[in-house]
Amino acid sequence: MSSPTETPQTAPTPAPGFDPVEFWYLHKTKIVALAALFAVALAAYAIQQMMEQRARAASARDFGRARTADDFRKVITEHRDTVAAANAQLRLAELQRNEGKLDESTATLKAFTSANPEHSLIAGAWLSIAANHEAQNKAEEALATFQKVATTYPTSYAAPLAMLGQARVQKVKGQNDLAKRTYEQIVTQFPNSDFARQALHESGQLPKTAP
């Protein structure tokens, strides 16, 4: 039996439950609109993926069929910003170099390096530019570009080749002491390699400096 001073306890009011019918009635217009937007976005994404896949397949097909300089130019033009277009630029530059069109080859390679700075063959492209300069007896341009490859891509396959090219140009310029240092650097950075053995051989062919 409760004391007269106690206040009677009242039961808590239950929280209103979630009514899906009422929620639908209140928000059905927004729900339908959002569902429609999602469906459109999903369809657009699927279409985009399908088109990109077809574009990649077409670019790879056209690159595989390309044989002449004009063929590669067509791939570059029609499949811009694709892997095939980048590869076509490299092949076009190679053809131009083989035809003795060194200025055109260099221009093609520079366009490639500008458009594909992260390409796996970027160091090789710069190495080819340096080789073009060297073949044209542009000693300063060749030396600067060989040094760019060696310093910018020191761990790449092109680095020791660039350093050998750098030493060659230094010898042509009569800078035998600098060439010797470059050969010594190759031996230090790439020990027990064919590059190191070549550097040792080339260094041994340098004129002896007077004591």
N, C-alpha and C. Protein backbone atom coordinates (compact mmCIF):
# COMPACT_ATOMS: atom_id res chain seq x y z
N MET A 1 0.85 -1.19 0.00
CA MET A 1 0.00 0.00 0.00
C MET A 1 0.89 1.24 0.00
N SER A 2 0.58 2.14 -0.91
CA SER A 2 1.46 3.29 -1.08
C SER A 2 1.17 4.36 -0.05
N SER A 3 2.25 5.13 0.20
CA SER A 3 2.13 6.22 1.17
C SER A 3 1.31 7.34 0.56
N PRO A 4 0.56 8.09 1.39
CA PRO A 4 -0.27 9.19 0.86
C PRO A 4 0.55 10.27 0.20
N THR A 5 1.85 10.34 0.57
CA THR A 5 2.66 11.43 0.00
C THR A 5 3.29 11.06 -1.34
N GLU A 6 3.22 9.79 -1.72
CA GLU A 6 3.84 9.37 -2.98
C GLU A 6 3.01 9.82 -4.17
N THR A 7 3.72 10.26 -5.21
CA THR A 7 3.05 10.68 -6.44
C THR A 7 2.84 9.48 -7.34
N PRO A 8 1.64 9.27 -7.78
CA PRO A 8 1.40 8.11 -8.66
C PRO A 8 2.28 8.19 -9.91
N GLN A 9 2.91 7.03 -10.28
CA GLN A 9 3.76 6.94 -11.48
C GLN A 9 2.89 6.76 -12.71
N THR A 10 3.21 7.60 -13.73
CA THR A 10 2.48 7.45 -15.00
C THR A 10 3.34 6.72 -16.00
N ALA A 11 2.78 5.88 -16.80
CA ALA A 11 3.52 5.10 -17.80
C ALA A 11 4.02 6.04 -18.90
N PRO A 12 5.31 5.87 -19.38
CA PRO A 12 5.85 6.73 -20.46
C PRO A 12 5.07 6.56 -21.74
N THR A 13 4.97 7.68 -22.46
CA THR A 13 4.25 7.63 -23.74
C THR A 13 5.11 6.93 -24.78
N PRO A 14 4.64 5.87 -25.37
CA PRO A 14 5.45 5.13 -26.35
C PRO A 14 5.80 6.03 -27.55
N ALA A 15 7.08 5.87 -28.04
CA ALA A 15 7.52 6.63 -29.21
C ALA A 15 6.73 6.18 -30.42
N PRO A 16 6.40 7.15 -31.23
CA PRO A 16 5.63 6.76 -32.42
C PRO A 16 6.45 5.85 -33.33
N GLY A 17 5.88 4.79 -33.83
CA GLY A 17 6.58 3.85 -34.71
C GLY A 17 6.68 4.40 -36.13
N PHE A 18 7.62 3.78 -36.92
CA PHE A 18 7.80 4.17 -38.33
C PHE A 18 6.70 3.56 -39.15
N ASP A 19 6.00 4.42 -39.85
CA ASP A 19 4.89 3.96 -40.69
C ASP A 19 5.31 4.10 -42.15
N PRO A 20 5.68 2.99 -42.82
CA PRO A 20 6.14 3.07 -44.21
C PRO A 20 5.08 3.62 -45.15
N VAL A 21 3.82 3.35 -44.87
CA VAL A 21 2.75 3.83 -45.74
C VAL A 21 2.68 5.36 -45.67
N GLU A 22 2.75 5.86 -44.42
CA GLU A 22 2.69 7.30 -44.24
C GLU A 22 3.94 7.97 -44.86
N PHE A 23 5.13 7.32 -44.66
CA PHE A 23 6.37 7.87 -45.22
C PHE A 23 6.27 7.94 -46.75
N TRP A 24 5.77 6.88 -47.36
CA TRP A 24 5.60 6.87 -48.82
C TRP A 24 4.66 7.96 -49.27
N TYR A 25 3.56 8.11 -48.55
CA TYR A 25 2.57 9.12 -48.91
C TYR A 25 3.16 10.52 -48.85
N LEU A 26 4.00 10.77 -47.81
CA LEU A 26 4.57 12.10 -47.63
C LEU A 26 5.71 12.39 -48.61
N HIS A 27 6.47 11.34 -49.00
CA HIS A 27 7.70 11.58 -49.76
C HIS A 27 7.74 10.85 -51.11
N LYS A 28 6.60 10.36 -51.57
CA LYS A 28 6.63 9.54 -52.78
C LYS A 28 7.15 10.30 -54.00
N THR A 29 6.87 11.60 -54.09
CA THR A 29 7.34 12.38 -55.26
C THR A 29 8.86 12.44 -55.29
N LYS A 30 9.49 12.72 -54.13
CA LYS A 30 10.95 12.78 -54.06
C LYS A 30 11.56 11.41 -54.32
N ILE A 31 10.96 10.36 -53.76
CA ILE A 31 11.49 9.01 -53.94
C ILE A 31 11.48 8.61 -55.40
N VAL A 32 10.36 8.87 -56.07
CA VAL A 32 10.26 8.53 -57.49
C VAL A 32 11.27 9.32 -58.31
N ALA A 33 11.45 10.60 -57.99
CA ALA A 33 12.40 11.45 -58.73
C ALA A 33 13.82 10.96 -58.53
N LEU A 34 14.20 10.63 -57.28
CA LEU A 34 15.55 10.14 -57.00
C LEU A 34 15.80 8.80 -57.68
N ALA A 35 14.80 7.94 -57.67
CA ALA A 35 14.94 6.64 -58.33
C ALA A 35 15.14 6.82 -59.83
N ALA A 36 14.44 7.76 -60.41
CA ALA A 36 14.56 8.01 -61.83
C ALA A 36 15.95 8.56 -62.16
N LEU A 37 16.43 9.49 -61.31
CA LEU A 37 17.77 10.04 -61.52
C LEU A 37 18.84 8.96 -61.41
N PHE A 38 18.70 8.07 -60.44
CA PHE A 38 19.66 6.99 -60.27
C PHE A 38 19.66 6.07 -61.48
N ALA A 39 18.47 5.77 -61.98
CA ALA A 39 18.37 4.89 -63.15
C ALA A 39 19.02 5.53 -64.38
N VAL A 40 18.79 6.84 -64.54
CA VAL A 40 19.40 7.55 -65.67
C VAL A 40 20.92 7.56 -65.54
N ALA A 41 21.42 7.84 -64.33
CA ALA A 41 22.86 7.88 -64.10
C ALA A 41 23.49 6.51 -64.34
N LEU A 42 22.82 5.47 -63.88
CA LEU A 42 23.33 4.11 -64.08
C LEU A 42 23.38 3.75 -65.56
N ALA A 43 22.35 4.13 -66.28
CA ALA A 43 22.31 3.85 -67.72
C ALA A 43 23.40 4.64 -68.45
N ALA A 44 23.59 5.91 -68.06
CA ALA A 44 24.62 6.74 -68.69
C ALA A 44 26.00 6.16 -68.43
N TYR A 45 26.24 5.70 -67.19
CA TYR A 45 27.54 5.10 -66.87
C TYR A 45 27.79 3.84 -67.70
N ALA A 46 26.77 3.01 -67.82
CA ALA A 46 26.91 1.78 -68.60
C ALA A 46 27.21 2.10 -70.07
N ILE A 47 26.51 3.10 -70.61
CA ILE A 47 26.76 3.49 -72.00
C ILE A 47 28.16 4.05 -72.17
N GLN A 48 28.60 4.87 -71.21
CA GLN A 48 29.95 5.44 -71.27
C GLN A 48 31.01 4.34 -71.24
N GLN A 49 30.83 3.37 -70.35
CA GLN A 49 31.79 2.27 -70.26
C GLN A 49 31.84 1.47 -71.55
N MET A 50 30.68 1.24 -72.13
CA MET A 50 30.61 0.48 -73.38
C MET A 50 31.30 1.23 -74.51
N MET A 51 31.08 2.55 -74.57
CA MET A 51 31.70 3.36 -75.62
C MET A 51 33.22 3.43 -75.45
N GLU A 52 33.68 3.56 -74.20
CA GLU A 52 35.12 3.60 -73.94
C GLU A 52 35.77 2.27 -74.31
N GLN A 53 35.09 1.18 -74.00
CA GLN A 53 35.62 -0.13 -74.35
C GLN A 53 35.73 -0.30 -75.86
N ARG A 54 34.70 0.16 -76.56
CA ARG A 54 34.73 0.08 -78.02
C ARG A 54 35.83 0.96 -78.60
N ALA A 55 36.02 2.16 -78.00
CA ALA A 55 37.06 3.09 -78.47
C ALA A 55 38.44 2.49 -78.26
N ARG A 56 38.66 1.85 -77.10
CA ARG A 56 39.95 1.22 -76.85
C ARG A 56 40.21 0.09 -77.83
N ALA A 57 39.17 -0.70 -78.08
CA ALA A 57 39.32 -1.81 -79.01
C ALA A 57 39.63 -1.30 -80.42
N ALA A 58 38.93 -0.23 -80.83
CA ALA A 58 39.15 0.33 -82.17
C ALA A 58 40.55 0.93 -82.30
N SER A 59 41.01 1.62 -81.26
CA SER A 59 42.34 2.23 -81.32
C SER A 59 43.42 1.16 -81.36
N ALA A 60 43.25 0.10 -80.56
CA ALA A 60 44.22 -0.99 -80.57
C ALA A 60 44.22 -1.70 -81.93
N ARG A 61 43.06 -1.87 -82.51
CA ARG A 61 42.97 -2.51 -83.83
C ARG A 61 43.68 -1.67 -84.88
N ASP A 62 43.40 -0.38 -84.90
CA ASP A 62 44.01 0.49 -85.91
C ASP A 62 45.52 0.59 -85.73
N PHE A 63 45.98 0.62 -84.47
CA PHE A 63 47.43 0.66 -84.24
C PHE A 63 48.08 -0.63 -84.73
N GLY A 64 47.42 -1.75 -84.47
CA GLY A 64 47.96 -3.04 -84.90
C GLY A 64 48.07 -3.16 -86.41
N ARG A 65 47.20 -2.47 -87.13
CA ARG A 65 47.21 -2.52 -88.59
C ARG A 65 48.14 -1.49 -89.22
N ALA A 66 48.55 -0.49 -88.43
CA ALA A 66 49.35 0.61 -88.98
C ALA A 66 50.73 0.12 -89.41
N ARG A 67 51.18 0.61 -90.55
CA ARG A 67 52.49 0.24 -91.08
C ARG A 67 53.29 1.46 -91.54
N THR A 68 52.63 2.43 -92.11
CA THR A 68 53.30 3.59 -92.68
C THR A 68 53.17 4.79 -91.77
N ALA A 69 53.93 5.84 -92.09
CA ALA A 69 53.85 7.08 -91.31
C ALA A 69 52.44 7.65 -91.34
N ASP A 70 51.80 7.59 -92.51
CA ASP A 70 50.43 8.11 -92.60
C ASP A 70 49.47 7.29 -91.74
N ASP A 71 49.70 5.97 -91.68
CA ASP A 71 48.86 5.12 -90.83
C ASP A 71 48.96 5.54 -89.37
N PHE A 72 50.18 5.78 -88.92
CA PHE A 72 50.37 6.16 -87.52
C PHE A 72 49.81 7.56 -87.25
N ARG A 73 49.93 8.45 -88.21
CA ARG A 73 49.34 9.78 -88.04
C ARG A 73 47.82 9.67 -87.90
N LYS A 74 47.23 8.76 -88.64
CA LYS A 74 45.78 8.57 -88.57
C LYS A 74 45.37 8.07 -87.19
N VAL A 75 46.15 7.14 -86.63
CA VAL A 75 45.86 6.65 -85.29
C VAL A 75 45.95 7.79 -84.27
N ILE A 76 46.98 8.62 -84.40
CA ILE A 76 47.18 9.74 -83.48
C ILE A 76 46.01 10.71 -83.56
N THR A 77 45.54 10.98 -84.78
CA THR A 77 44.46 11.94 -84.98
C THR A 77 43.11 11.41 -84.54
N GLU A 78 42.83 10.17 -84.92
CA GLU A 78 41.49 9.61 -84.68
C GLU A 78 41.31 9.02 -83.28
N HIS A 79 42.41 8.74 -82.60
CA HIS A 79 42.30 8.12 -81.27
C HIS A 79 43.10 8.92 -80.24
N ARG A 80 42.90 10.21 -80.27
CA ARG A 80 43.63 11.11 -79.38
C ARG A 80 43.43 10.72 -77.92
N ASP A 81 44.48 10.89 -77.12
CA ASP A 81 44.43 10.62 -75.67
C ASP A 81 44.21 9.15 -75.34
N THR A 82 44.67 8.26 -76.20
CA THR A 82 44.61 6.83 -75.91
C THR A 82 46.02 6.26 -75.87
N VAL A 83 46.14 5.07 -75.29
CA VAL A 83 47.45 4.39 -75.27
C VAL A 83 47.94 4.15 -76.69
N ALA A 84 47.03 3.78 -77.57
CA ALA A 84 47.40 3.51 -78.96
C ALA A 84 47.96 4.76 -79.63
N ALA A 85 47.38 5.92 -79.36
CA ALA A 85 47.87 7.17 -79.95
C ALA A 85 49.28 7.47 -79.47
N ALA A 86 49.53 7.25 -78.17
CA ALA A 86 50.88 7.48 -77.64
C ALA A 86 51.89 6.54 -78.28
N ASN A 87 51.52 5.28 -78.39
CA ASN A 87 52.41 4.32 -79.03
C ASN A 87 52.64 4.65 -80.50
N ALA A 88 51.61 5.16 -81.15
CA ALA A 88 51.72 5.54 -82.55
C ALA A 88 52.70 6.70 -82.72
N GLN A 89 52.72 7.62 -81.75
CA GLN A 89 53.68 8.73 -81.82
C GLN A 89 55.11 8.21 -81.77
N LEU A 90 55.36 7.22 -80.91
CA LEU A 90 56.70 6.65 -80.81
C LEU A 90 57.10 5.93 -82.09
N ARG A 91 56.18 5.19 -82.66
CA ARG A 91 56.48 4.47 -83.90
C ARG A 91 56.68 5.44 -85.05
N LEU A 92 55.88 6.51 -85.09
CA LEU A 92 56.03 7.52 -86.13
C LEU A 92 57.40 8.19 -86.02
N ALA A 93 57.80 8.52 -84.81
CA ALA A 93 59.11 9.15 -84.61
C ALA A 93 60.23 8.22 -85.06
N GLU A 94 60.07 6.93 -84.82
CA GLU A 94 61.08 5.96 -85.25
C GLU A 94 61.17 5.91 -86.78
N LEU A 95 60.02 5.89 -87.44
CA LEU A 95 60.02 5.88 -88.91
C LEU A 95 60.66 7.15 -89.46
N GLN A 96 60.32 8.27 -88.87
CA GLN A 96 60.88 9.55 -89.33
C GLN A 96 62.40 9.56 -89.15
N ARG A 97 62.86 9.03 -88.04
CA ARG A 97 64.31 8.98 -87.79
C ARG A 97 64.99 8.07 -88.82
N ASN A 98 64.39 6.93 -89.10
CA ASN A 98 64.95 6.00 -90.08
C ASN A 98 65.00 6.60 -91.48
N GLU A 99 64.07 7.51 -91.75
CA GLU A 99 64.04 8.17 -93.06
C GLU A 99 64.94 9.40 -93.09
N GLY A 100 65.64 9.67 -91.99
CA GLY A 100 66.53 10.82 -91.94
C GLY A 100 65.83 12.13 -91.65
N LYS A 101 64.55 12.07 -91.29
CA LYS A 101 63.79 13.28 -90.98
C LYS A 101 63.90 13.56 -89.47
N LEU A 102 65.10 13.98 -89.06
CA LEU A 102 65.38 14.08 -87.64
C LEU A 102 64.61 15.21 -86.97
N ASP A 103 64.46 16.33 -87.66
CA ASP A 103 63.68 17.43 -87.07
C ASP A 103 62.23 17.01 -86.84
N GLU A 104 61.65 16.31 -87.82
CA GLU A 104 60.27 15.84 -87.68
C GLU A 104 60.17 14.81 -86.56
N SER A 105 61.16 13.93 -86.49
CA SER A 105 61.17 12.92 -85.44
C SER A 105 61.23 13.57 -84.06
N THR A 106 62.08 14.57 -83.92
CA THR A 106 62.19 15.28 -82.63
C THR A 106 60.89 15.98 -82.28
N ALA A 107 60.25 16.59 -83.26
CA ALA A 107 58.98 17.27 -83.01
C ALA A 107 57.91 16.27 -82.55
N THR A 108 57.88 15.10 -83.18
CA THR A 108 56.92 14.07 -82.79
C THR A 108 57.19 13.58 -81.37
N LEU A 109 58.45 13.39 -81.04
CA LEU A 109 58.81 12.92 -79.71
C LEU A 109 58.49 13.96 -78.65
N LYS A 110 58.71 15.23 -78.95
CA LYS A 110 58.40 16.29 -77.99
C LYS A 110 56.89 16.39 -77.77
N ALA A 111 56.12 16.17 -78.83
CA ALA A 111 54.66 16.15 -78.67
C ALA A 111 54.25 15.00 -77.77
N PHE A 112 54.93 13.87 -77.93
CA PHE A 112 54.65 12.70 -77.09
C PHE A 112 54.97 12.99 -75.62
N THR A 113 56.14 13.56 -75.35
CA THR A 113 56.53 13.83 -73.96
C THR A 113 55.61 14.85 -73.30
N SER A 114 55.12 15.80 -74.10
CA SER A 114 54.21 16.81 -73.56
C SER A 114 52.86 16.21 -73.20
N ALA A 115 52.39 15.30 -74.04
CA ALA A 115 51.05 14.72 -73.84
C ALA A 115 51.06 13.54 -72.89
N ASN A 116 52.22 12.91 -72.67
CA ASN A 116 52.27 11.67 -71.88
C ASN A 116 53.41 11.71 -70.86
N PRO A 117 53.38 12.66 -69.93
CA PRO A 117 54.50 12.81 -68.99
C PRO A 117 54.70 11.63 -68.06
N GLU A 118 53.68 10.79 -67.88
CA GLU A 118 53.79 9.64 -66.98
C GLU A 118 53.92 8.33 -67.73
N HIS A 119 54.10 8.38 -69.03
CA HIS A 119 54.20 7.15 -69.83
C HIS A 119 55.43 6.35 -69.42
N SER A 120 55.33 5.02 -69.49
CA SER A 120 56.45 4.16 -69.08
C SER A 120 57.67 4.33 -69.97
N LEU A 121 57.47 4.86 -71.18
CA LEU A 121 58.59 5.04 -72.12
C LEU A 121 59.03 6.50 -72.23
N ILE A 122 58.65 7.32 -71.27
CA ILE A 122 58.98 8.75 -71.34
C ILE A 122 60.49 8.97 -71.35
N ALA A 123 61.22 8.22 -70.54
CA ALA A 123 62.68 8.37 -70.52
C ALA A 123 63.29 8.00 -71.86
N GLY A 124 62.76 6.93 -72.46
CA GLY A 124 63.25 6.52 -73.77
C GLY A 124 62.97 7.55 -74.85
N ALA A 125 61.85 8.23 -74.73
CA ALA A 125 61.52 9.28 -75.71
C ALA A 125 62.52 10.43 -75.63
N TRP A 126 62.85 10.84 -74.39
CA TRP A 126 63.84 11.91 -74.23
C TRP A 126 65.22 11.43 -74.69
N LEU A 127 65.53 10.17 -74.48
CA LEU A 127 66.80 9.63 -74.95
C LEU A 127 66.87 9.68 -76.47
N SER A 128 65.76 9.39 -77.13
CA SER A 128 65.71 9.46 -78.59
C SER A 128 65.88 10.89 -79.09
N ILE A 129 65.31 11.84 -78.36
CA ILE A 129 65.48 13.25 -78.72
C ILE A 129 66.97 13.63 -78.64
N ALA A 130 67.63 13.20 -77.56
CA ALA A 130 69.05 13.48 -77.42
C ALA A 130 69.85 12.84 -78.55
N ALA A 131 69.50 11.61 -78.91
CA ALA A 131 70.21 10.92 -80.00
C ALA A 131 70.01 11.65 -81.32
N ASN A 132 68.82 12.18 -81.55
CA ASN A 132 68.58 12.96 -82.77
C ASN A 132 69.48 14.19 -82.80
N HIS A 133 69.57 14.88 -81.68
CA HIS A 133 70.44 16.06 -81.60
C HIS A 133 71.90 15.67 -81.86
N GLU A 134 72.30 14.55 -81.28
CA GLU A 134 73.68 14.10 -81.47
C GLU A 134 73.94 13.78 -82.93
N ALA A 135 73.00 13.12 -83.59
CA ALA A 135 73.16 12.78 -85.00
C ALA A 135 73.23 14.01 -85.88
N GLN A 136 72.64 15.10 -85.42
CA GLN A 136 72.66 16.36 -86.17
C GLN A 136 73.83 17.26 -85.77
N ASN A 137 74.72 16.71 -84.95
CA ASN A 137 75.89 17.46 -84.46
C ASN A 137 75.48 18.70 -83.66
N LYS A 138 74.34 18.62 -83.00
CA LYS A 138 73.91 19.69 -82.10
C LYS A 138 74.39 19.34 -80.70
N ALA A 139 75.68 19.59 -80.48
CA ALA A 139 76.33 19.10 -79.27
C ALA A 139 75.69 19.64 -77.99
N GLU A 140 75.42 20.94 -77.94
CA GLU A 140 74.88 21.52 -76.73
C GLU A 140 73.50 20.96 -76.40
N GLU A 141 72.64 20.89 -77.43
CA GLU A 141 71.29 20.35 -77.22
C GLU A 141 71.35 18.88 -76.81
N ALA A 142 72.23 18.12 -77.46
CA ALA A 142 72.37 16.70 -77.14
C ALA A 142 72.85 16.51 -75.71
N LEU A 143 73.88 17.27 -75.33
CA LEU A 143 74.44 17.14 -73.98
C LEU A 143 73.40 17.49 -72.92
N ALA A 144 72.67 18.58 -73.13
CA ALA A 144 71.66 18.99 -72.15
C ALA A 144 70.56 17.94 -72.02
N THR A 145 70.17 17.32 -73.13
CA THR A 145 69.09 16.34 -73.09
C THR A 145 69.55 15.03 -72.49
N PHE A 146 70.78 14.59 -72.81
CA PHE A 146 71.32 13.39 -72.16
C PHE A 146 71.39 13.60 -70.65
N GLN A 147 71.84 14.77 -70.22
CA GLN A 147 71.92 15.06 -68.78
C GLN A 147 70.54 15.09 -68.15
N LYS A 148 69.55 15.58 -68.87
CA LYS A 148 68.17 15.61 -68.37
C LYS A 148 67.67 14.19 -68.08
N VAL A 149 67.93 13.27 -69.01
CA VAL A 149 67.50 11.88 -68.83
C VAL A 149 68.19 11.27 -67.62
N ALA A 150 69.52 11.48 -67.52
CA ALA A 150 70.29 10.86 -66.43
C ALA A 150 69.87 11.38 -65.06
N THR A 151 69.51 12.65 -64.96
CA THR A 151 69.17 13.23 -63.67
C THR A 151 67.68 13.09 -63.33
N THR A 152 66.83 13.17 -64.35
CA THR A 152 65.38 13.10 -64.10
C THR A 152 64.89 11.67 -63.94
N TYR A 153 65.53 10.74 -64.64
CA TYR A 153 65.11 9.34 -64.59
C TYR A 153 66.31 8.46 -64.22
N PRO A 154 66.92 8.67 -63.04
CA PRO A 154 68.17 8.00 -62.69
C PRO A 154 68.07 6.49 -62.52
N THR A 155 66.86 5.99 -62.27
CA THR A 155 66.70 4.54 -62.07
C THR A 155 66.11 3.85 -63.29
N SER A 156 65.92 4.58 -64.37
CA SER A 156 65.32 4.00 -65.56
C SER A 156 66.36 3.27 -66.41
N TYR A 157 65.87 2.44 -67.32
CA TYR A 157 66.76 1.74 -68.25
C TYR A 157 67.53 2.71 -69.13
N ALA A 158 66.99 3.93 -69.31
CA ALA A 158 67.61 4.90 -70.21
C ALA A 158 68.76 5.66 -69.55
N ALA A 159 68.84 5.65 -68.22
CA ALA A 159 69.84 6.46 -67.52
C ALA A 159 71.28 6.12 -67.92
N PRO A 160 71.72 4.84 -67.86
CA PRO A 160 73.10 4.55 -68.24
C PRO A 160 73.38 4.83 -69.71
N LEU A 161 72.38 4.61 -70.57
CA LEU A 161 72.56 4.93 -71.99
C LEU A 161 72.73 6.44 -72.17
N ALA A 162 71.97 7.21 -71.41
CA ALA A 162 72.10 8.67 -71.49
C ALA A 162 73.47 9.12 -71.01
N MET A 163 73.98 8.48 -69.98
CA MET A 163 75.29 8.85 -69.47
C MET A 163 76.40 8.49 -70.47
N LEU A 164 76.26 7.37 -71.14
CA LEU A 164 77.22 7.02 -72.19
C LEU A 164 77.15 8.04 -73.32
N GLY A 165 75.93 8.47 -73.66
CA GLY A 165 75.77 9.51 -74.68
C GLY A 165 76.37 10.82 -74.23
N GLN A 166 76.19 11.15 -72.97
CA GLN A 166 76.76 12.37 -72.41
C GLN A 166 78.28 12.35 -72.55
N ALA A 167 78.90 11.22 -72.22
CA ALA A 167 80.36 11.11 -72.34
C ALA A 167 80.82 11.22 -73.79
N ARG A 168 80.05 10.65 -74.69
CA ARG A 168 80.41 10.74 -76.12
C ARG A 168 80.46 12.20 -76.56
N VAL A 169 79.44 12.94 -76.18
CA VAL A 169 79.37 14.35 -76.58
C VAL A 169 80.50 15.13 -75.92
N GLN A 170 80.78 14.82 -74.67
CA GLN A 170 81.88 15.51 -73.98
C GLN A 170 83.21 15.25 -74.70
N LYS A 171 83.40 14.04 -75.20
CA LYS A 171 84.63 13.75 -75.95
C LYS A 171 84.69 14.56 -77.24
N VAL A 172 83.55 14.65 -77.93
CA VAL A 172 83.49 15.44 -79.17
C VAL A 172 83.83 16.89 -78.89
N LYS A 173 83.40 17.39 -77.76
CA LYS A 173 83.67 18.77 -77.38
C LYS A 173 85.08 18.96 -76.82
N GLY A 174 85.83 17.86 -76.74
CA GLY A 174 87.18 17.95 -76.21
C GLY A 174 87.25 18.00 -74.70
N GLN A 175 86.15 17.66 -74.05
CA GLN A 175 86.09 17.70 -72.59
C GLN A 175 86.40 16.31 -72.02
N ASN A 176 87.63 15.86 -72.25
CA ASN A 176 87.99 14.50 -71.88
C ASN A 176 87.95 14.26 -70.38
N ASP A 177 88.32 15.27 -69.59
CA ASP A 177 88.27 15.11 -68.13
C ASP A 177 86.83 14.90 -67.66
N LEU A 178 85.90 15.66 -68.24
CA LEU A 178 84.49 15.49 -67.89
C LEU A 178 83.98 14.14 -68.35
N ALA A 179 84.39 13.72 -69.54
CA ALA A 179 83.97 12.41 -70.05
C ALA A 179 84.46 11.30 -69.12
N LYS A 180 85.70 11.42 -68.65
CA LYS A 180 86.24 10.41 -67.73
C LYS A 180 85.42 10.35 -66.44
N ARG A 181 85.05 11.51 -65.93
CA ARG A 181 84.22 11.53 -64.72
C ARG A 181 82.87 10.88 -64.97
N THR A 182 82.30 11.12 -66.16
CA THR A 182 81.01 10.52 -66.48
C THR A 182 81.14 9.00 -66.54
N TYR A 183 82.21 8.51 -67.16
CA TYR A 183 82.43 7.05 -67.22
C TYR A 183 82.60 6.48 -65.81
N GLU A 184 83.33 7.18 -64.95
CA GLU A 184 83.50 6.72 -63.57
C GLU A 184 82.17 6.68 -62.83
N GLN A 185 81.31 7.63 -63.12
CA GLN A 185 79.98 7.67 -62.49
C GLN A 185 79.15 6.48 -62.94
N ILE A 186 79.27 6.12 -64.20
CA ILE A 186 78.53 4.95 -64.71
C ILE A 186 78.98 3.69 -63.97
N VAL A 187 80.29 3.53 -63.81
CA VAL A 187 80.82 2.35 -63.12
C VAL A 187 80.33 2.31 -61.67
N THR A 188 80.26 3.48 -61.04
CA THR A 188 79.81 3.55 -59.65
C THR A 188 78.32 3.24 -59.52
N GLN A 189 77.50 3.83 -60.41
CA GLN A 189 76.05 3.67 -60.30
C GLN A 189 75.55 2.34 -60.84
N PHE A 190 76.26 1.78 -61.82
CA PHE A 190 75.78 0.53 -62.44
C PHE A 190 76.90 -0.51 -62.46
N PRO A 191 77.39 -0.89 -61.28
CA PRO A 191 78.51 -1.84 -61.23
C PRO A 191 78.10 -3.21 -61.75
N ASN A 192 79.08 -3.94 -62.25
CA ASN A 192 78.85 -5.31 -62.74
C ASN A 192 77.82 -5.38 -63.86
N SER A 193 77.69 -4.29 -64.62
CA SER A 193 76.75 -4.28 -65.75
C SER A 193 77.52 -4.11 -67.05
N ASP A 194 76.84 -4.41 -68.16
CA ASP A 194 77.46 -4.18 -69.46
C ASP A 194 77.78 -2.70 -69.65
N PHE A 195 76.96 -1.84 -69.06
CA PHE A 195 77.21 -0.40 -69.17
C PHE A 195 78.53 -0.03 -68.48
N ALA A 196 78.76 -0.63 -67.31
CA ALA A 196 80.00 -0.36 -66.58
C ALA A 196 81.20 -0.86 -67.37
N ARG A 197 81.09 -2.04 -67.96
CA ARG A 197 82.20 -2.58 -68.75
C ARG A 197 82.48 -1.71 -69.97
N GLN A 198 81.40 -1.25 -70.62
CA GLN A 198 81.60 -0.36 -71.76
C GLN A 198 82.24 0.95 -71.33
N ALA A 199 81.81 1.47 -70.18
CA ALA A 199 82.37 2.72 -69.68
C ALA A 199 83.86 2.57 -69.39
N LEU A 200 84.24 1.45 -68.80
CA LEU A 200 85.66 1.21 -68.52
C LEU A 200 86.47 1.14 -69.82
N HIS A 201 85.89 0.47 -70.81
CA HIS A 201 86.58 0.36 -72.10
C HIS A 201 86.74 1.74 -72.74
N GLU A 202 85.65 2.50 -72.78
CA GLU A 202 85.70 3.82 -73.40
C GLU A 202 86.63 4.76 -72.64
N SER A 203 86.62 4.65 -71.32
CA SER A 203 87.49 5.50 -70.52
C SER A 203 88.96 5.20 -70.82
N GLY A 204 89.25 3.91 -71.06
CA GLY A 204 90.62 3.54 -71.38
C GLY A 204 91.09 4.05 -72.72
N GLN A 205 90.15 4.41 -73.60
CA GLN A 205 90.50 4.92 -74.92
C GLN A 205 90.73 6.43 -74.93
N LEU A 206 90.44 7.09 -73.82
CA LEU A 206 90.61 8.53 -73.75
C LEU A 206 92.10 8.88 -73.80
N PRO A 207 92.45 9.99 -74.44
CA PRO A 207 93.85 10.42 -74.46
C PRO A 207 94.35 10.65 -73.04
N LYS A 208 95.57 10.25 -72.80
CA LYS A 208 96.15 10.44 -71.48
C LYS A 208 96.47 11.92 -71.26
N THR A 209 96.09 12.40 -70.11
CA THR A 209 96.37 13.81 -69.82
C THR A 209 97.80 13.93 -69.28
N ALA A 210 98.43 15.06 -69.62
CA ALA A 210 99.80 15.28 -69.16
C ALA A 210 99.84 15.47 -67.67
N PRO A 211 100.83 14.90 -66.99
CA PRO A 211 100.90 15.06 -65.52
C PRO A 211 101.17 16.50 -65.15
